[in-house]
PDB file of N, CA and C in Angstrom:
ATOM      1  N   MET A   1      45.662  63.200  12.658  1.00  0.00           N
ATOM      2  CA  MET A   1      46.902  63.799  12.022  1.00  0.00           C
ATOM      3  C   MET A   1      47.677  62.236  11.870  1.00  0.00           C
ATOM      4  N   GLU A   2      47.293  61.464  12.877  1.00  0.00           N
ATOM      5  CA  GLU A   2      48.112  59.810  12.186  1.00  0.00           C
ATOM      6  C   GLU A   2      47.332  59.129  11.033  1.00  0.00           C
ATOM      7  N   THR A   3      46.468  59.816  10.532  1.00  0.00           N
ATOM      8  CA  THR A   3      46.110  59.245   8.443  1.00  0.00           C
ATOM      9  C   THR A   3      46.692  60.311   8.007  1.00  0.00           C
ATOM     10  N   PHE A   4      46.760  61.821   7.953  1.00  0.00           N
ATOM     11  CA  PHE A   4      47.734  62.500   7.668  1.00  0.00           C
ATOM     12  C   PHE A   4      49.170  61.726   7.392  1.00  0.00           C
ATOM     13  N   PHE A   5      50.034  61.238   8.361  1.00  0.00           N
ATOM     14  CA  PHE A   5      51.000  60.559   8.374  1.00  0.00           C
ATOM     15  C   PHE A   5      50.967  59.137   7.464  1.00  0.00           C
ATOM     16  N   GLU A   6      50.322  58.910   8.462  1.00  0.00           N
ATOM     17  CA  GLU A   6      49.757  57.689   7.149  1.00  0.00           C
ATOM     18  C   GLU A   6      49.897  57.280   5.596  1.00  0.00           C
ATOM     19  N   ILE A   7      49.282  58.592   5.028  1.00  0.00           N
ATOM     20  CA  ILE A   7      49.390  58.829   3.575  1.00  0.00           C
ATOM     21  C   ILE A   7      50.590  59.188   3.203  1.00  0.00           C
ATOM     22  N   ILE A   8      51.007  60.059   3.514  1.00  0.00           N
ATOM     23  CA  ILE A   8      52.668  60.741   3.425  1.00  0.00           C
ATOM     24  C   ILE A   8      53.453  59.181   3.834  1.00  0.00           C
ATOM     25  N   LEU A   9      53.202  58.423   4.430  1.00  0.00           N
ATOM     26  CA  LEU A   9      54.152  57.578   4.239  1.00  0.00           C
ATOM     27  C   LEU A   9      53.892  56.634   3.136  1.00  0.00           C
ATOM     28  N   ALA A  10      52.454  56.241   2.574  1.00  0.00           N
ATOM     29  CA  ALA A  10      52.260  55.458   1.738  1.00  0.00           C
ATOM     30  C   ALA A  10      52.517  56.042   0.134  1.00  0.00           C
ATOM     31  N   LEU A  11      52.674  57.152   0.299  1.00  0.00           N
ATOM     32  CA  LEU A  11      53.251  58.089  -1.000  1.00  0.00           C
ATOM     33  C   LEU A  11      54.833  57.843  -0.891  1.00  0.00           C
ATOM     34  N   VAL A  12      55.458  58.251   0.124  1.00  0.00           N
ATOM     35  CA  VAL A  12      56.920  58.064   0.416  1.00  0.00           C
ATOM     36  C   VAL A  12      57.076  56.396  -0.105  1.00  0.00           C
ATOM     37  N   LEU A  13      56.831  55.743   0.119  1.00  0.00           N
ATOM     38  CA  LEU A  13      56.913  54.148  -0.093  1.00  0.00           C
ATOM     39  C   LEU A  13      56.369  53.998  -1.650  1.00  0.00           C
ATOM     40  N   ILE A  14      55.373  54.110  -2.106  1.00  0.00           N
ATOM     41  CA  ILE A  14      55.088  53.803  -3.655  1.00  0.00           C
ATOM     42  C   ILE A  14      56.398  54.433  -4.499  1.00  0.00           C
ATOM     43  N   ALA A  15      56.367  55.955  -4.269  1.00  0.00           N
ATOM     44  CA  ALA A  15      57.470  56.751  -4.588  1.00  0.00           C
ATOM     45  C   ALA A  15      59.027  55.739  -4.516  1.00  0.00           C
ATOM     46  N   TYR A  16      59.381  55.426  -3.608  1.00  0.00           N
ATOM     47  CA  TYR A  16      60.728  54.244  -3.183  1.00  0.00           C
ATOM     48  C   TYR A  16      60.684  53.427  -4.906  1.00  0.00           C
ATOM     49  N   VAL A  17      59.410  52.544  -4.010  1.00  0.00           N
ATOM     50  CA  VAL A  17      59.400  51.557  -4.977  1.00  0.00           C
ATOM     51  C   VAL A  17      59.285  51.822  -6.688  1.00  0.00           C
ATOM     52  N   ILE A  18      58.509  52.822  -6.902  1.00  0.00           N
ATOM     53  CA  ILE A  18      58.550  53.193  -8.490  1.00  0.00           C
ATOM     54  C   ILE A  18      59.472  53.500  -8.817  1.00  0.00           C
ATOM     55  N   ARG A  19      60.441  53.980  -8.240  1.00  0.00           N
ATOM     56  CA  ARG A  19      62.206  54.562  -8.235  1.00  0.00           C
ATOM     57  C   ARG A  19      63.104  53.340  -8.354  1.00  0.00           C
ATOM     58  N   ILE A  20      62.486  52.372  -7.452  1.00  0.00           N
ATOM     59  CA  ILE A  20      63.740  51.112  -7.279  1.00  0.00           C
ATOM     60  C   ILE A  20      63.414  50.156  -8.706  1.00  0.00           C
ATOM     61  N   ALA A  21      61.666  49.979  -9.276  1.00  0.00           N
ATOM     62  CA  ALA A  21      61.277  49.336 -10.471  1.00  0.00           C
ATOM     63  C   ALA A  21      61.123  49.393 -11.819  1.00  0.00           C
ATOM     64  N   SER A  22      61.575  51.305 -11.536  1.00  0.00           N
ATOM     65  CA  SER A  22      61.321  51.744 -13.433  1.00  0.00           C
ATOM     66  C   SER A  22      62.219  51.236 -13.757  1.00  0.00           C
ATOM     67  N   PRO A  23      63.447  50.907 -13.683  1.00  0.00           N
ATOM     68  CA  PRO A  23      64.666  50.707 -14.429  1.00  0.00           C
ATOM     69  C   PRO A  23      64.385  48.639 -15.230  1.00  0.00           C
ATOM     70  N   TYR A  24      63.535  48.159 -14.155  1.00  0.00           N
ATOM     71  CA  TYR A  24      63.092  46.806 -14.949  1.00  0.00           C
ATOM     72  C   TYR A  24      61.766  47.210 -15.467  1.00  0.00           C
ATOM     73  N   ILE A  25      61.339  48.040 -15.110  1.00  0.00           N
ATOM     74  CA  ILE A  25      59.996  48.316 -16.020  1.00  0.00           C
ATOM     75  C   ILE A  25      60.246  48.591 -17.293  1.00  0.00           C
ATOM     76  N   LEU A  26      61.333  49.636 -17.206  1.00  0.00           N
ATOM     77  CA  LEU A  26      61.833  50.308 -18.613  1.00  0.00           C
ATOM     78  C   LEU A  26      62.028  49.170 -19.558  1.00  0.00           C
ATOM     79  N   ALA A  27      63.151  48.267 -18.993  1.00  0.00           N
ATOM     80  CA  ALA A  27      63.925  47.324 -19.854  1.00  0.00           C
ATOM     81  C   ALA A  27      62.661  46.304 -20.917  1.00  0.00           C
ATOM     82  N   TYR A  28      62.133  45.780 -19.805  1.00  0.00           N
ATOM     83  CA  TYR A  28      60.844  45.201 -20.600  1.00  0.00           C
ATOM     84  C   TYR A  28      60.157  45.683 -21.386  1.00  0.00           C
ATOM     85  N   PHE A  29      60.249  46.870 -21.403  1.00  0.00           N
ATOM     86  CA  PHE A  29      59.656  47.796 -22.479  1.00  0.00           C
ATOM     87  C   PHE A  29      60.202  47.632 -23.763  1.00  0.00           C
ATOM     88  N   LEU A  30      61.343  48.229 -23.625  1.00  0.00           N
ATOM     89  CA  LEU A  30      62.215  48.321 -24.216  1.00  0.00           C
ATOM     90  C   LEU A  30      63.088  47.090 -25.386  1.00  0.00           C
ATOM     91  N   LYS A  31      62.498  45.750 -24.533  1.00  0.00           N
ATOM     92  CA  LYS A  31      62.628  44.285 -25.436  1.00  0.00           C
ATOM     93  C   LYS A  31      61.923  43.967 -25.821  1.00  0.00           C
ATOM     94  N   LYS A  32      60.827  44.393 -25.569  1.00  0.00           N
ATOM     95  CA  LYS A  32      59.398  44.109 -26.567  1.00  0.00           C
ATOM     96  C   LYS A  32      59.419  45.206 -27.145  1.00  0.00           C
ATOM     97  N   LEU A  33      59.769  46.131 -27.154  1.00  0.00           N
ATOM     98  CA  LEU A  33      59.477  47.099 -28.637  1.00  0.00           C
ATOM     99  C   LEU A  33      60.716  46.648 -29.328  1.00  0.00           C
ATOM    100  N   GLU A  34      61.975  46.021 -28.958  1.00  0.00           N
ATOM    101  CA  GLU A  34      63.118  45.655 -29.925  1.00  0.00           C
ATOM    102  C   GLU A  34      62.605  44.012 -30.529  1.00  0.00           C
ATOM    103  N   LYS A  35      61.637  43.169 -29.714  1.00  0.00           N
ATOM    104  CA  LYS A  35      61.511  42.291 -30.351  1.00  0.00           C
ATOM    105  C   LYS A  35      60.777  42.910 -31.783  1.00  0.00           C
ATOM    106  N   LYS A  36      59.681  43.702 -31.450  1.00  0.00           N
ATOM    107  CA  LYS A  36      58.349  44.241 -32.562  1.00  0.00           C
ATOM    108  C   LYS A  36      59.243  44.887 -33.643  1.00  0.00           C
ATOM    109  N   VAL A  37      60.165  45.190 -33.719  1.00  0.00           N
ATOM    110  CA  VAL A  37      60.807  46.320 -34.431  1.00  0.00           C
ATOM    111  C   VAL A  37      61.362  45.061 -35.455  1.00  0.00           C
ATOM    112  N   ARG A  38      62.141  44.070 -35.062  1.00  0.00           N
ATOM    113  CA  ARG A  38      63.309  43.395 -35.325  1.00  0.00           C
ATOM    114  C   ARG A  38      62.072  42.317 -36.040  1.00  0.00           C
ATOM    115  N   SER A  39      61.506  42.294 -35.815  1.00  0.00           N
ATOM    116  CA  SER A  39      60.299  41.042 -36.216  1.00  0.00           C
ATOM    117  C   SER A  39      59.617  41.992 -37.820  1.00  0.00           C
ATOM    118  N   LYS A  40      59.513  43.273 -37.552  1.00  0.00           N
ATOM    119  CA  LYS A  40      58.993  44.207 -38.874  1.00  0.00           C
ATOM    120  C   LYS A  40      59.850  44.198 -39.929  1.00  0.00           C
ATOM    121  N   PHE A  41      60.873  44.896 -39.068  1.00  0.00           N
ATOM    122  CA  PHE A  41      62.618  44.650 -40.251  1.00  0.00           C
ATOM    123  C   PHE A  41      62.599  43.447 -41.271  1.00  0.00           C
ATOM    124  N   THR A  42      62.706  42.209 -40.760  1.00  0.00           N
ATOM    125  CA  THR A  42      62.812  41.104 -41.260  1.00  0.00           C
ATOM    126  C   THR A  42      61.430  40.958 -41.930  1.00  0.00           C
ATOM    127  N   GLN A  43      60.299  41.166 -41.774  1.00  0.00           N
ATOM    128  CA  GLN A  43      59.154  40.583 -42.819  1.00  0.00           C
ATOM    129  C   GLN A  43      59.417  41.872 -43.673  1.00  0.00           C
ATOM    130  N   ASP A  44      59.872  43.509 -44.011  1.00  0.00           N
ATOM    131  CA  ASP A  44      59.666  44.116 -45.270  1.00  0.00           C
ATOM    132  C   ASP A  44      61.320  43.642 -45.289  1.00  0.00           C
ATOM    133  N   ASN A  45      61.956  42.785 -44.964  1.00  0.00           N
ATOM    134  CA  ASN A  45      63.143  42.737 -46.078  1.00  0.00           C
ATOM    135  C   ASN A  45      62.923  41.277 -46.260  1.00  0.00           C
ATOM    136  N   SER A  46      62.201  40.346 -45.697  1.00  0.00           N
ATOM    137  CA  SER A  46      61.870  39.590 -46.983  1.00  0.00           C
ATOM    138  C   SER A  46      60.618  39.868 -47.899  1.00  0.00           C
ATOM    139  N   LYS A  47      60.120  40.552 -47.887  1.00  0.00           N
ATOM    140  CA  LYS A  47      59.035  41.303 -48.834  1.00  0.00           C
ATOM    141  C   LYS A  47      59.865  42.055 -49.794  1.00  0.00           C
ATOM    142  N   ASN A  48      60.593  42.933 -49.616  1.00  0.00           N
ATOM    143  CA  ASN A  48      61.596  43.379 -50.672  1.00  0.00           C
ATOM    144  C   ASN A  48      62.911  42.435 -51.057  1.00  0.00           C
ATOM    145  N   PHE A  49      62.885  41.459 -50.420  1.00  0.00           N
ATOM    146  CA  PHE A  49      63.695  40.642 -51.415  1.00  0.00           C
ATOM    147  C   PHE A  49      62.986  39.909 -52.425  1.00  0.00           C
ATOM    148  N   ASN A  50      61.688  39.307 -52.344  1.00  0.00           N
ATOM    149  CA  ASN A  50      60.942  38.588 -52.503  1.00  0.00           C
ATOM    150  C   ASN A  50      60.658  39.388 -53.662  1.00  0.00           C
ATOM    151  N   SER A  51      60.223  40.816 -53.458  1.00  0.00           N
ATOM    152  CA  SER A  51      59.669  41.328 -54.740  1.00  0.00           C
ATOM    153  C   SER A  51      60.415  41.798 -55.634  1.00  0.00           C
ATOM    154  N   SER A  52      61.907  42.100 -55.364  1.00  0.00           N
ATOM    155  CA  SER A  52      62.997  42.347 -56.147  1.00  0.00           C
ATOM    156  C   SER A  52      63.337  41.559 -56.817  1.00  0.00           C
ATOM    157  N   SER A  53      63.371  39.602 -56.475  1.00  0.00           N
ATOM    158  CA  SER A  53      63.389  38.893 -57.170  1.00  0.00           C
ATOM    159  C   SER A  53      62.223  38.377 -58.286  1.00  0.00           C
ATOM    160  N   ASN A  54      61.302  38.802 -57.707  1.00  0.00           N
ATOM    161  CA  ASN A  54      60.375  38.539 -58.986  1.00  0.00           C
ATOM    162  C   ASN A  54      60.514  39.742 -60.279  1.00  0.00           C
ATOM    163  N   ARG A  55      61.052  41.239 -59.721  1.00  0.00           N
ATOM    164  CA  ARG A  55      60.665  42.202 -60.315  1.00  0.00           C
ATOM    165  C   ARG A  55      61.807  41.867 -61.735  1.00  0.00           C
ATOM    166  N   ASN A  56      62.889  41.297 -61.702  1.00  0.00           N
ATOM    167  CA  ASN A  56      63.998  40.967 -61.892  1.00  0.00           C
ATOM    168  C   ASN A  56      63.405  39.829 -63.067  1.00  0.00           C
ATOM    169  N   ALA A  57      62.981  38.822 -62.675  1.00  0.00           N
ATOM    170  CA  ALA A  57      62.351  37.350 -63.432  1.00  0.00           C
ATOM    171  C   ALA A  57      61.704  38.106 -64.327  1.00  0.00           C
ATOM    172  N   THR A  58      60.518  38.838 -63.985  1.00  0.00           N
ATOM    173  CA  THR A  58      59.458  39.362 -65.156  1.00  0.00           C
ATOM    174  C   THR A  58      60.808  40.313 -66.082  1.00  0.00           C
ATOM    175  N   LYS A  59      61.395  41.424 -65.814  1.00  0.00           N
ATOM    176  CA  LYS A  59      61.803  42.175 -66.391  1.00  0.00           C
ATOM    177  C   LYS A  59      63.342  40.985 -67.458  1.00  0.00           C
ATOM    178  N   LYS A  60      63.682  39.605 -67.221  1.00  0.00           N
ATOM    179  CA  LYS A  60      64.318  38.899 -67.853  1.00  0.00           C
ATOM    180  C   LYS A  60      63.126  38.633 -68.894  1.00  0.00           C
ATOM    181  N   GLU A  61      62.228  38.099 -68.426  1.00  0.00           N
ATOM    182  CA  GLU A  61      61.285  37.385 -69.531  1.00  0.00           C
ATOM    183  C   GLU A  61      60.715  38.503 -70.829  1.00  0.00           C
ATOM    184  N   LYS A  62      61.038  39.415 -70.563  1.00  0.00           N
ATOM    185  CA  LYS A  62      60.592  40.590 -71.513  1.00  0.00           C
ATOM    186  C   LYS A  62      61.746  41.199 -72.605  1.00  0.00           C
ATOM    187  N   VAL A  63      62.373  40.293 -73.148  1.00  0.00           N
ATOM    188  CA  VAL A  63      63.238  40.512 -73.454  1.00  0.00           C
ATOM    189  C   VAL A  63      63.238  41.009 -74.959  1.00  0.00           C
ATOM    190  N   GLY A  64      63.536  42.219 -75.729  1.00  0.00           N
ATOM    191  CA  GLY A  64      63.238  42.052 -77.497  1.00  0.00           C
ATOM    192  C   GLY A  64      64.466  41.662 -77.702  1.00  0.00           C
ATOM    193  N   GLU A  65      63.779  41.632 -79.299  1.00  0.00           N
ATOM    194  CA  GLU A  65      64.762  41.091 -80.082  1.00  0.00           C
ATOM    195  C   GLU A  65      66.319  42.040 -80.335  1.00  0.00           C
ATOM    196  N   TYR A  66      67.177  41.047 -80.406  1.00  0.00           N
ATOM    197  CA  TYR A  66      68.473  41.723 -80.255  1.00  0.00           C
ATOM    198  C   TYR A  66      69.323  41.868 -82.285  1.00  0.00           C
ATOM    199  N   VAL A  67      69.461  43.684 -82.042  1.00  0.00           N
ATOM    200  CA  VAL A  67      69.475  43.925 -83.005  1.00  0.00           C
ATOM    201  C   VAL A  67      71.436  44.666 -83.441  1.00  0.00           C
ATOM    202  N   ASP A  68      71.598  43.677 -84.488  1.00  0.00           N
ATOM    203  CA  ASP A  68      73.404  44.025 -84.494  1.00  0.00           C
ATOM    204  C   ASP A  68      73.771  45.298 -85.684  1.00  0.00           C
ATOM    205  N   PHE A  69      73.816  46.364 -85.411  1.00  0.00           N
ATOM    206  CA  PHE A  69      74.021  47.186 -86.217  1.00  0.00           C
ATOM    207  C   PHE A  69      75.557  47.387 -86.984  1.00  0.00           C
ATOM    208  N   GLU A  70      75.520  47.544 -88.350  1.00  0.00           N
ATOM    209  CA  GLU A  70      77.352  47.842 -88.893  1.00  0.00           C
ATOM    210  C   GLU A  70      77.131  49.066 -89.113  1.00  0.00           C
ATOM    211  N   GLU A  71      78.281  49.238 -88.986  1.00  0.00           N
ATOM    212  CA  GLU A  71      79.167  50.853 -89.008  1.00  0.00           C
ATOM    213  C   GLU A  71      79.018  51.172 -90.935  1.00  0.00           C
ATOM    214  N   ILE A  72      78.664  51.997 -91.276  1.00  0.00           N
ATOM    215  CA  ILE A  72      78.272  52.260 -92.704  1.00  0.00           C
ATOM    216  C   ILE A  72      79.758  53.397 -93.192  1.00  0.00           C
ATOM    217  N   ASP A  73      80.737  53.409 -93.998  1.00  0.00           N
ATOM    218  CA  ASP A  73      81.839  54.203 -93.998  1.00  0.00           C
ATOM    219  C   ASP A  73      81.294  54.807 -95.200  1.00  0.00           C
TER     220      ASP A  73
END
């Protein structure tokens, strides 16, 4: 009977510790996730910025000749 009470006491203590520690554990994982998302976001933005500037540069290089049309009455 004594072992049964020790098991119940251990379960209650574990539940209490988990209840107290869970906000800190959750905050830790959310900060870690935020860092990953921020780094991925900045990498994607820098890639998009560089690729858009490269596309604009190539478009400007491929300019055809200018034709001036005159109206005929």
